[in-house]
Amino acid sequence: MAGMNQERMLQVLRAPHISEKASVQADSANQVVFEVARDANKKEIAAAVTKLFDVTVTHVTTANMKPKQKRFRGRPGVRSGWKKAYVTLAEGNEIDFLDGATS
């Protein structure tokens, strides 16, 4: 998407989603998981990742995470839902969020 400006790119990608499942996907399928804007589409996500991290994106899969019922100080409440994107990178491309930090 040539018409996507820098500000929209930063709005599309909210944060990397780091979890045990995301780590497994990164190792086995060369995928990175991001929390993205709810209104972002796959083309926007691919363009933003390509531009910001200078990698080649081969595939994007999105999933809407439903809001969860939780209790806050004994009162029922609802956590807001969010959208995540599984971004498959081309062979040889890598995004390292931990900057090589190992425990």
Foldseek 3Di string as FASTA:
>chain_A
DVPDDPVVLCQFFPAWDDDPVQVVCCVPQVKTKTFGAPPDDPVSPQVSCCVPVVFHWDDKDKDKACWDWDADPNHIDIHHITMMMITGTDPPDHDDPVVPDDD
